[in-house]
Protein backbone atom coordinates (compact mmCIF):
# COMPACT_ATOMS: atom_id res chain seq x y z
CA MET A 1 14.26 -15.32 -5.12
CA ILE A 2 12.00 -18.34 -5.33
CA ILE A 3 14.80 -20.51 -6.68
CA LEU A 4 17.19 -19.35 -3.95
CA GLY A 5 14.54 -20.13 -1.34
CA ILE A 6 14.05 -23.63 -2.74
CA ILE A 7 17.81 -24.25 -2.82
CA LEU A 8 18.10 -23.15 0.82
CA LEU A 9 15.16 -25.39 1.73
CA ILE A 10 16.85 -28.40 0.17
CA VAL A 11 20.26 -27.66 1.71
CA GLY A 12 18.70 -27.00 5.11
CA PHE A 13 16.71 -30.23 4.93
CA LEU A 14 19.68 -32.36 3.85
CA THR A 15 22.12 -30.91 6.39
CA GLY A 16 19.66 -30.50 9.24
CA ILE A 17 20.43 -26.80 9.72
CA GLY A 18 17.20 -25.18 10.88
CA ILE A 19 18.10 -21.58 10.07
CA LEU A 20 18.61 -22.42 6.38
CA TRP A 21 15.21 -24.11 6.36
CA THR A 22 13.57 -21.01 7.89
CA ILE A 23 15.33 -18.56 5.56
CA GLY A 24 14.41 -20.75 2.58
CA ILE A 25 10.73 -20.71 3.51
CA VAL A 26 10.74 -16.93 3.97
CA LEU A 27 12.49 -16.30 0.64
CA ALA A 28 10.22 -18.68 -1.25
CA VAL A 29 7.08 -17.05 0.18
CA ILE A 30 8.28 -13.50 -0.49
CA GLY A 31 9.33 -14.47 -4.01
CA ALA A 32 5.94 -16.06 -4.68
CA ILE A 33 4.10 -12.97 -3.42
CA LEU A 34 6.21 -10.67 -5.60
CA TRP A 35 5.72 -12.96 -8.59
CA VAL A 36 1.93 -12.94 -8.14
CA LEU A 37 1.83 -9.15 -7.73
CA GLY A 38 3.94 -8.71 -10.87
CA ALA A 39 1.74 -11.12 -12.82
CA MET A 40 -1.36 -9.17 -11.80
CA GLY A 41 0.11 -5.99 -13.27
CA HIS A 42 0.92 -4.19 -10.02
CA ALA A 43 4.20 -2.32 -9.96
CA VAL A 44 6.49 -3.75 -7.30
CA ARG A 45 9.09 -1.25 -6.04
CA GLY A 46 9.12 0.62 -9.32
CA ARG A 47 9.23 -2.48 -11.51
CA ARG A 48 6.32 -3.41 -13.71
CA HIS A 49 7.34 -7.09 -13.77
CA TYR A 50 9.18 -9.13 -11.18
CA TRP A 51 11.02 -12.07 -12.68
């Protein structure tokens, strides 16, 4: 999810499409939060680790 968010950020920045930029930021932040929760040992939606 983090990688998809970064790809959308880059594409949105290069093409000037604002909605891709916004979606990329949201996906990157959500992915980072899930990654941190998984690294701390908390189960996220039934999964012990979130890759």
